[in-house]
Protein backbone atom coordinates (compact mmCIF):
# COMPACT_ATOMS: atom_id res chain seq x y z
CA MET A 1 9.78 26.56 163.73
CA LEU A 2 7.08 24.91 165.85
CA LEU A 3 7.69 23.44 169.31
CA VAL A 4 5.06 21.00 170.58
CA GLY A 5 4.44 20.78 174.33
CA SER A 6 3.74 22.85 177.42
CA GLY A 7 6.07 21.74 180.22
CA GLY A 8 9.39 22.68 181.76
CA ARG A 9 11.26 20.63 179.18
CA GLU A 10 9.63 22.60 176.36
CA HIS A 11 10.30 25.96 178.05
CA ALA A 12 13.97 25.04 178.41
CA LEU A 13 14.11 23.99 174.74
CA ALA A 14 12.40 27.21 173.68
CA TRP A 15 14.86 29.25 175.75
CA LYS A 16 17.83 27.62 174.00
CA LEU A 17 16.31 27.58 170.50
CA ALA A 18 15.52 31.29 170.79
CA GLN A 19 19.27 31.95 171.03
CA SER A 20 19.89 30.68 167.49
CA SER A 21 20.88 33.32 164.95
CA SER A 22 19.04 31.36 162.25
CA LEU A 23 15.68 31.38 164.04
CA THR A 24 13.13 33.63 162.35
CA GLU A 25 9.99 32.82 164.35
CA LEU A 26 9.33 30.55 167.32
CA HIS A 27 5.86 29.07 167.66
CA ALA A 28 4.64 26.68 170.36
CA ALA A 29 1.54 24.54 170.81
CA PRO A 30 0.15 24.89 173.34
CA GLY A 31 3.13 26.44 175.10
CA ASN A 32 3.00 28.05 178.54
CA PRO A 33 3.45 31.52 180.08
CA GLY A 34 7.24 31.15 180.09
CA ILE A 35 7.37 30.18 176.41
CA ALA A 36 4.99 33.02 175.56
CA ARG A 37 7.77 35.47 176.50
CA LEU A 38 9.93 33.93 173.74
CA GLY A 39 7.52 33.30 170.89
CA HIS A 40 3.94 32.79 169.75
CA CYS A 41 1.78 30.27 171.64
CA HIS A 42 -1.22 28.63 169.99
CA PRO A 43 -4.12 26.93 171.85
CA VAL A 44 -3.58 23.56 170.17
CA ARG A 45 -3.20 20.43 172.28
CA ALA A 46 -0.07 18.33 171.82
CA GLU A 47 -2.27 15.26 171.22
CA ASP A 48 -4.30 16.86 168.39
CA SER A 49 -2.26 15.78 165.37
CA GLU A 50 -4.73 17.08 162.80
CA ALA A 51 -4.77 20.57 164.32
CA LEU A 52 -0.98 20.54 164.72
CA LEU A 53 -0.56 19.60 161.07
CA GLY A 54 -2.81 22.49 160.10
CA LEU A 55 -0.89 24.87 162.36
CA ALA A 56 2.49 23.76 160.98
CA ARG A 57 1.24 24.39 157.46
CA SER A 58 -0.30 27.75 158.28
CA ILE A 59 2.88 29.16 159.81
CA GLY A 60 5.14 27.56 157.19
CA ALA A 61 7.14 25.63 159.77
CA ASP A 62 10.41 24.31 158.37
CA LEU A 63 10.98 22.24 161.53
CA VAL A 64 8.70 20.79 164.20
CA VAL A 65 10.27 19.71 167.51
CA VAL A 66 8.02 17.41 169.55
CA GLY A 67 8.69 17.51 173.29
CA PRO A 68 6.32 15.07 175.07
CA GLU A 69 6.28 11.31 174.63
CA ALA A 70 2.53 10.73 174.30
CA PRO A 71 2.07 12.40 170.89
CA LEU A 72 5.21 10.67 169.61
CA VAL A 73 3.93 7.24 170.66
CA ALA A 74 0.58 8.12 169.05
CA GLY A 75 2.28 8.85 165.69
CA LEU A 76 2.36 12.65 165.46
CA ALA A 77 5.80 12.65 163.82
CA ASP A 78 4.57 10.21 161.16
CA ASP A 79 1.63 12.46 160.29
CA LEU A 80 3.88 15.49 159.93
CA ARG A 81 6.52 13.66 157.88
CA HIS A 82 3.90 12.27 155.52
CA ALA A 83 2.93 15.90 154.87
CA GLY A 84 6.53 16.75 153.99
CA ILE A 85 7.38 18.60 157.20
CA ALA A 86 10.76 18.03 158.88
CA VAL A 87 10.31 16.68 162.40
CA PHE A 88 12.66 16.14 165.32
CA GLY A 89 11.01 13.21 167.06
CA PRO A 90 10.64 9.51 166.24
CA GLY A 91 7.71 7.94 164.43
CA ALA A 92 5.33 5.67 166.31
CA GLY A 93 7.27 2.52 165.45
CA ALA A 94 10.55 3.79 166.91
CA ALA A 95 8.80 5.55 169.82
CA ARG A 96 7.73 2.12 171.06
CA VAL A 97 11.09 1.96 172.86
CA GLU A 98 9.29 4.13 175.44
CA GLY A 99 5.71 3.19 174.67
CA SER A 100 6.28 -0.49 175.46
CA LYS A 101 8.87 -1.77 177.92
CA ALA A 102 8.42 -5.27 176.49
CA PHE A 103 9.27 -3.98 173.01
CA ALA A 104 12.33 -2.15 174.33
CA LYS A 105 13.52 -5.35 175.99
CA ASP A 106 13.09 -7.25 172.75
CA VAL A 107 15.18 -4.66 170.90
CA MET A 108 17.92 -4.76 173.53
CA GLU A 109 18.03 -8.54 173.58
CA SER A 110 18.33 -8.59 169.79
CA VAL A 111 21.57 -6.58 169.89
CA GLY A 112 23.00 -7.71 173.23
CA VAL A 113 22.45 -4.49 175.20
CA PRO A 114 22.47 -5.46 178.89
CA THR A 115 19.31 -4.79 180.88
CA ALA A 116 17.46 -6.15 183.91
CA ARG A 117 16.22 -9.74 183.72
CA THR A 118 12.50 -10.25 183.34
CA LEU A 119 11.01 -12.36 186.15
CA GLU A 120 8.26 -14.83 185.37
CA THR A 121 7.03 -14.81 188.97
CA PRO A 122 6.81 -11.56 190.94
CA ARG A 123 8.64 -12.01 194.22
CA PRO A 124 10.69 -9.57 196.30
CA PRO A 125 13.05 -7.97 195.71
CA CYS A 126 11.84 -6.90 192.28
CA VAL A 127 10.61 -3.96 190.22
CA VAL A 128 7.05 -3.85 188.91
CA LYS A 129 6.49 -1.67 185.84
CA ALA A 130 3.48 -0.66 183.77
CA ASP A 131 4.38 -1.63 180.21
CA GLY A 132 3.16 1.62 178.64
CA LEU A 133 3.41 5.34 179.33
CA ALA A 134 2.88 6.47 182.92
CA ALA A 135 4.50 9.94 183.11
CA GLY A 136 7.36 8.55 185.20
CA LYS A 137 4.97 7.15 187.82
CA GLY A 138 4.58 3.57 186.61
CA VAL A 139 7.61 2.00 188.33
CA PHE A 140 7.33 0.35 191.75
CA VAL A 141 10.35 -0.92 193.70
CA CYS A 142 9.21 -3.85 195.82
CA ARG A 143 11.28 -5.26 198.69
CA THR A 144 8.48 -7.08 200.53
CA GLU A 145 5.52 -9.24 199.55
CA ALA A 146 3.18 -6.46 200.58
CA GLU A 147 4.98 -4.03 198.28
CA VAL A 148 4.78 -6.54 195.42
CA GLU A 149 1.02 -6.85 195.87
CA ALA A 150 0.63 -3.07 196.05
CA GLY A 151 2.90 -2.54 193.04
CA LEU A 152 1.03 -5.06 190.91
CA ALA A 153 -2.28 -3.44 191.81
CA ALA A 154 -1.01 0.09 191.11
CA ALA A 155 0.61 -0.87 187.79
CA SER A 156 -2.49 -2.75 186.67
CA ALA A 157 -4.67 0.22 187.60
CA LEU A 158 -2.85 2.26 184.96
CA GLY A 159 -4.55 0.09 182.35
CA GLU A 160 -1.39 -1.46 180.94
CA GLU A 161 0.28 -4.84 180.85
CA VAL A 162 2.70 -5.39 183.72
CA VAL A 163 6.42 -6.19 183.47
CA VAL A 164 8.33 -7.58 186.47
CA GLU A 165 12.13 -7.28 186.58
CA GLU A 166 14.98 -8.06 188.91
CA LEU A 167 15.89 -5.22 191.27
CA LEU A 168 19.23 -3.67 190.34
CA GLU A 169 21.19 -1.51 192.79
CA GLY A 170 23.58 1.33 192.03
CA PRO A 171 23.81 4.95 190.90
CA GLU A 172 21.67 5.94 187.92
CA VAL A 173 22.59 8.10 184.94
CA SER A 174 20.50 9.69 182.19
CA LEU A 175 22.42 9.46 178.93
CA ILE A 176 20.60 11.23 176.09
CA ALA A 177 21.73 11.47 172.48
CA ILE A 178 20.44 13.47 169.53
CA CYS A 179 19.97 10.96 166.71
CA ASP A 180 19.41 11.07 162.94
CA GLY A 181 18.54 7.39 162.59
CA VAL A 182 22.19 6.30 162.39
CA HIS A 183 24.46 8.69 164.28
CA ALA A 184 24.21 9.68 167.96
CA LEU A 185 25.40 13.03 169.30
CA VAL A 186 25.52 12.67 173.07
CA LEU A 187 24.59 15.34 175.61
CA PRO A 188 26.39 15.69 178.95
CA PRO A 189 25.40 12.84 181.29
CA ALA A 190 22.88 13.87 183.92
CA GLN A 191 21.45 12.49 187.12
CA ASP A 192 17.83 13.08 188.11
CA PHE A 193 15.99 12.70 191.40
CA LYS A 194 12.88 10.60 190.80
CA ARG A 195 11.51 10.07 194.30
CA ALA A 196 9.19 12.60 195.86
CA PHE A 197 11.08 13.19 199.10
CA ASP A 198 14.59 13.73 200.44
CA GLY A 199 16.82 10.71 200.73
CA ASP A 200 15.09 9.06 197.74
CA GLU A 201 12.02 8.32 199.83
CA GLY A 202 8.42 8.23 198.70
CA PRO A 203 6.78 7.42 195.38
CA ASN A 204 8.31 7.89 191.94
CA THR A 205 7.56 11.18 190.22
CA GLY A 206 8.29 12.71 186.84
CA GLY A 207 11.45 14.08 188.46
CA MET A 208 12.09 16.48 191.37
CA GLY A 209 15.46 17.82 190.22
CA ALA A 210 18.60 17.04 188.27
CA TYR A 211 22.21 17.99 187.71
CA ALA A 212 24.72 17.74 184.87
CA PRO A 213 27.32 16.68 184.05
CA VAL A 214 28.03 13.55 186.13
CA PRO A 215 31.55 14.07 187.54
CA TRP A 216 32.42 10.41 188.00
CA LEU A 217 31.62 9.50 184.39
CA ASP A 218 34.56 10.50 182.20
CA PRO A 219 34.13 11.53 178.53
CA ALA A 220 35.75 8.37 177.21
CA ALA A 221 33.31 6.26 179.23
CA VAL A 222 30.38 8.30 177.92
CA ASN A 223 31.42 7.76 174.32
CA ASP A 224 31.96 4.07 175.01
CA LEU A 225 28.45 3.74 176.44
CA VAL A 226 26.94 5.43 173.41
CA ARG A 227 28.87 3.03 171.17
CA ARG A 228 27.67 -0.02 173.12
CA ILE A 229 24.07 1.08 173.78
CA HIS A 230 22.69 3.83 171.57
CA VAL A 231 24.38 2.89 168.30
CA PRO A 232 23.30 -0.79 168.24
CA VAL A 233 19.74 0.14 169.26
CA LEU A 234 19.61 2.69 166.44
CA ALA A 235 20.86 0.06 164.01
CA GLU A 236 18.26 -2.48 165.19
CA LEU A 237 15.39 -0.01 164.91
CA ALA A 238 16.53 0.91 161.40
CA ARG A 239 16.76 -2.79 160.51
CA ARG A 240 13.15 -3.19 161.61
CA GLY A 241 12.10 -0.39 159.28
CA THR A 242 11.55 2.19 162.04
CA PRO A 243 14.61 4.48 162.12
CA PHE A 244 14.86 6.60 165.24
CA VAL A 245 15.13 10.35 164.59
CA GLY A 246 14.98 12.32 167.81
CA ALA A 247 16.38 12.25 171.35
CA LEU A 248 17.15 8.69 172.47
CA TYR A 249 17.23 8.67 176.27
CA ALA A 250 18.90 5.71 177.96
CA GLY A 251 18.22 5.45 181.69
CA LEU A 252 21.27 3.57 183.00
CA ILE A 253 22.26 2.01 186.30
CA VAL A 254 25.85 1.22 187.31
CA THR A 255 25.82 -2.13 189.10
CA GLY A 256 28.62 -4.27 190.47
CA ASP A 257 28.36 -6.29 187.25
CA GLY A 258 28.56 -3.29 184.94
CA VAL A 259 26.17 -0.85 183.33
CA ARG A 260 22.59 -1.95 182.62
CA VAL A 261 19.78 -0.14 180.82
CA LEU A 262 16.77 0.46 183.06
CA GLU A 263 14.61 2.04 180.37
CA PHE A 264 14.59 3.91 177.10
CA ASN A 265 12.68 7.11 176.47
CA CYS A 266 11.95 8.57 173.05
CA ARG A 267 12.46 12.26 173.92
CA PHE A 268 14.51 14.73 175.92
CA GLY A 269 14.40 14.28 179.68
CA ASP A 270 12.36 16.30 182.12
CA PRO A 271 13.91 17.73 184.30
CA GLU A 272 17.22 16.81 182.59
CA THR A 273 16.56 19.26 179.75
CA GLN A 274 16.49 22.07 182.29
CA VAL A 275 20.14 21.36 183.13
CA HIS A 276 21.20 20.35 179.62
CA MET A 277 20.13 23.50 177.80
CA PRO A 278 22.26 25.98 179.83
CA LEU A 279 25.34 23.84 179.07
CA LEU A 280 24.85 23.74 175.27
CA GLY A 281 26.00 26.17 172.61
CA PRO A 282 23.53 28.38 170.72
CA GLU A 283 23.55 26.14 167.62
CA LEU A 284 21.01 23.61 168.96
CA LEU A 285 18.43 24.59 166.33
CA GLU A 286 20.85 23.78 163.53
CA VAL A 287 21.72 20.45 165.16
CA LEU A 288 18.06 19.42 165.53
CA LEU A 289 17.36 20.39 161.92
CA ALA A 290 20.35 18.33 160.75
CA ALA A 291 19.04 15.33 162.69
CA ALA A 292 15.52 15.80 161.31
CA THR A 293 16.81 15.92 157.75
CA GLY A 294 18.94 12.83 158.27
CA ASP A 295 22.60 13.74 158.60
CA LEU A 296 24.51 14.45 161.81
CA SER A 297 27.77 13.02 160.45
CA ASP A 298 29.59 16.37 160.31
CA VAL A 299 27.73 18.17 163.09
CA THR A 300 29.17 19.21 166.44
CA LEU A 301 27.48 20.75 169.46
CA ALA A 302 29.51 22.90 171.82
CA THR A 303 29.16 22.20 175.54
CA SER A 304 30.19 24.30 178.51
CA SER A 305 32.54 23.18 181.28
CA ASP A 306 30.11 24.63 183.85
CA ALA A 307 27.79 22.68 186.13
CA ALA A 308 24.00 23.04 186.22
CA VAL A 309 21.49 22.12 188.93
CA THR A 310 17.70 22.32 188.74
CA VAL A 311 15.22 22.11 191.61
CA VAL A 312 11.55 21.41 190.95
CA LEU A 313 8.90 23.32 192.88
CA ALA A 314 5.90 21.01 193.04
CA ALA A 315 2.36 21.09 194.35
CA GLY A 316 2.04 19.92 197.94
CA THR A 317 0.00 16.88 196.89
CA TYR A 318 2.18 15.89 193.91
CA PRO A 319 2.44 13.17 192.55
CA ASP A 320 -1.02 12.17 193.82
CA ALA A 321 -2.74 15.34 192.62
CA ASN A 322 -2.17 18.68 190.90
CA ASP A 323 -2.61 22.25 192.10
CA VAL A 324 -4.67 24.68 190.03
CA GLY A 325 -5.36 28.39 190.51
CA ALA A 326 -3.00 29.38 193.33
CA THR A 327 -1.02 32.59 192.86
CA ILE A 328 2.73 32.24 192.25
CA GLU A 329 4.98 35.03 193.48
CA GLY A 330 8.69 35.76 193.24
CA VAL A 331 9.60 34.48 189.76
CA GLU A 332 10.93 37.88 188.65
CA GLN A 333 12.99 38.17 191.83
CA ALA A 334 14.50 34.71 191.27
CA GLU A 335 15.42 35.62 187.69
CA ALA A 336 16.88 38.94 188.80
CA ALA A 337 19.09 37.02 191.26
CA GLY A 338 20.52 35.01 188.36
CA ALA A 339 18.42 31.82 188.34
CA LEU A 340 16.74 30.41 185.26
CA VAL A 341 13.07 29.71 185.96
CA PHE A 342 11.37 27.26 183.61
CA HIS A 343 7.58 27.02 183.68
CA ALA A 344 6.28 23.46 183.97
CA GLY A 345 2.70 23.73 185.26
CA THR A 346 1.62 27.36 185.16
CA ALA A 347 -1.12 29.52 183.66
CA ARG A 348 -1.64 33.27 183.40
CA GLN A 349 -4.84 35.08 184.27
CA ASP A 350 -4.64 38.79 183.57
CA GLU A 351 -1.41 39.79 185.35
CA ARG A 352 -1.41 36.85 187.79
CA LEU A 353 0.78 33.78 187.35
CA LEU A 354 -1.08 30.72 188.64
CA THR A 355 -0.36 27.09 189.42
CA ASN A 356 -1.65 24.62 186.83
CA GLY A 357 -0.16 21.19 187.38
CA GLY A 358 1.88 18.90 189.61
CA ARG A 359 5.38 20.11 188.90
CA ILE A 360 4.94 23.88 188.77
CA LEU A 361 8.39 25.38 188.12
CA ALA A 362 11.98 24.20 187.63
CA VAL A 363 14.58 26.59 189.01
CA THR A 364 18.03 26.15 187.48
CA GLY A 365 21.38 27.47 188.63
CA VAL A 366 24.59 27.45 186.60
CA GLY A 367 28.08 27.86 187.99
CA ALA A 368 31.73 27.02 187.62
CA ASN A 369 31.21 24.09 189.99
CA PHE A 370 28.32 22.20 191.57
CA ALA A 371 28.44 24.14 194.81
CA ALA A 372 27.93 27.42 192.94
CA ALA A 373 25.26 25.98 190.65
CA ARG A 374 23.36 24.43 193.54
CA ALA A 375 23.54 27.63 195.59
CA ALA A 376 22.14 29.60 192.64
CA ALA A 377 19.29 27.14 192.13
CA TYR A 378 18.21 27.04 195.77
CA SER A 379 18.68 30.79 196.19
CA GLY A 380 16.33 31.32 193.26
CA ALA A 381 13.86 28.77 194.60
CA ASP A 382 13.86 30.53 197.99
CA ARG A 383 12.46 33.65 196.33
CA ILE A 384 9.43 31.87 194.81
CA SER A 385 6.30 31.00 196.72
CA PHE A 386 2.82 29.60 196.24
CA PRO A 387 0.50 27.84 198.71
CA GLY A 388 1.66 24.29 199.45
CA SER A 389 4.90 24.61 197.49
CA ARG A 390 7.19 21.62 198.05
CA ARG A 391 10.70 20.74 196.91
CA ARG A 392 13.51 18.34 197.69
CA GLU A 393 16.35 19.82 199.70
CA ASP A 394 19.01 17.29 198.68
CA VAL A 395 19.26 17.75 194.91
CA ALA A 396 22.96 17.59 193.92
CA ALA A 397 24.00 17.79 197.59
CA ALA A 398 26.60 15.02 197.29
CA VAL A 399 28.36 16.39 194.20
CA ALA A 400 28.21 19.95 195.53
CA ALA A 401 29.98 18.78 198.69
CA ASP A 402 32.83 17.41 196.64
CA ASP A 403 33.66 19.51 193.60
CA ALA A 404 37.08 17.92 193.37
CA GLY A 405 35.41 14.95 191.72
CA ARG A 406 35.94 12.49 194.57
CA SER A 407 32.36 11.36 194.35
CA PRO A 408 30.90 8.71 196.64
CA GLU A 409 29.85 6.95 193.42
CA PRO A 410 32.30 4.59 191.69
CA ARG A 411 34.22 6.23 188.88
CA LEU A 412 33.26 4.53 185.61
CA GLN A 413 36.05 4.19 183.08
CA SER A 414 35.62 3.27 179.43
CA SER A 415 36.07 -0.35 178.41
CA ARG A 416 38.87 -0.94 175.95
């Protein structure tokens, strides 16, 4: 099989897929130093659909899993499917649920999925969003007129249309389902930490950490949300002639008036994948192949009762800039101590592991409860160093402090 991408999400996917007894060869394009320990990496960019098609043919790939959103929005999955290759990832038409926030709103309105109201006039409090892809950095929460002006300028500078929405308050949940165009097989709910600094301060990032599952969201409520959100959206996309085959990611917020959808993504989360994969059974490859070939109706995916926490080690200037060429030390020591270390922005030069991005590594801990998982993640992170390394210190702190499930967040029950 061929895995497309080079980040922490793709390393976590490769780590889990490599556990499948049915895997014969794992190839990645372009991959990263972590993935290279699990399979064959090829110097082909994720955006080069022609070269990827040639690579898939040359290695006889019976499945291609596309990790990042940009090639999906650009139509990579369509090109591969037209060549007769099974793909886990939506075509360009369905990937518009992430590629255009206006399109996603239109889909939700068509099937009555609740979301934030669009505002005709930007005034505080509100949220300003770039309509297209922005690597998680195109959302600006504005509580003052000055922040509105700054948000509009920043969103416009990304070269996209701008969407302005009402500001919703409440805890957020990432609810991701593996989809075959009709059916949705949900993963454990997760919560990510988008802001750059402790206490949810600073600019939005691609994600500074995550944990799963969400203790105040019971299984019945999760299934009810999938029934009310994912399933009707899948049906609407199929009705429009663009069935969604891939990971449908609903970013949700729990408000005083109920659950609302903040956004849809057309792929697995990052860093949510780094906490999802340790909680899943080894049959993920078979599940993704079943989705890609169009039938999840009789498929199950085992999940662990453990908790998982991941902490991102980022460049000191992230999200404003990346770090390239600094030596990374301590990864082997972190792994020896029991942490999972997923490469997100790294490169290898001879025997040296170097920084090569904004989010450099994601360090994941797994345990019987959140306190144990969080301790494992931070203990592993403590062993890793590179110049300017920065992390949040409060990832999963609240749930780790209360493993009895008495979360400060409101417990969401299923609607009957």
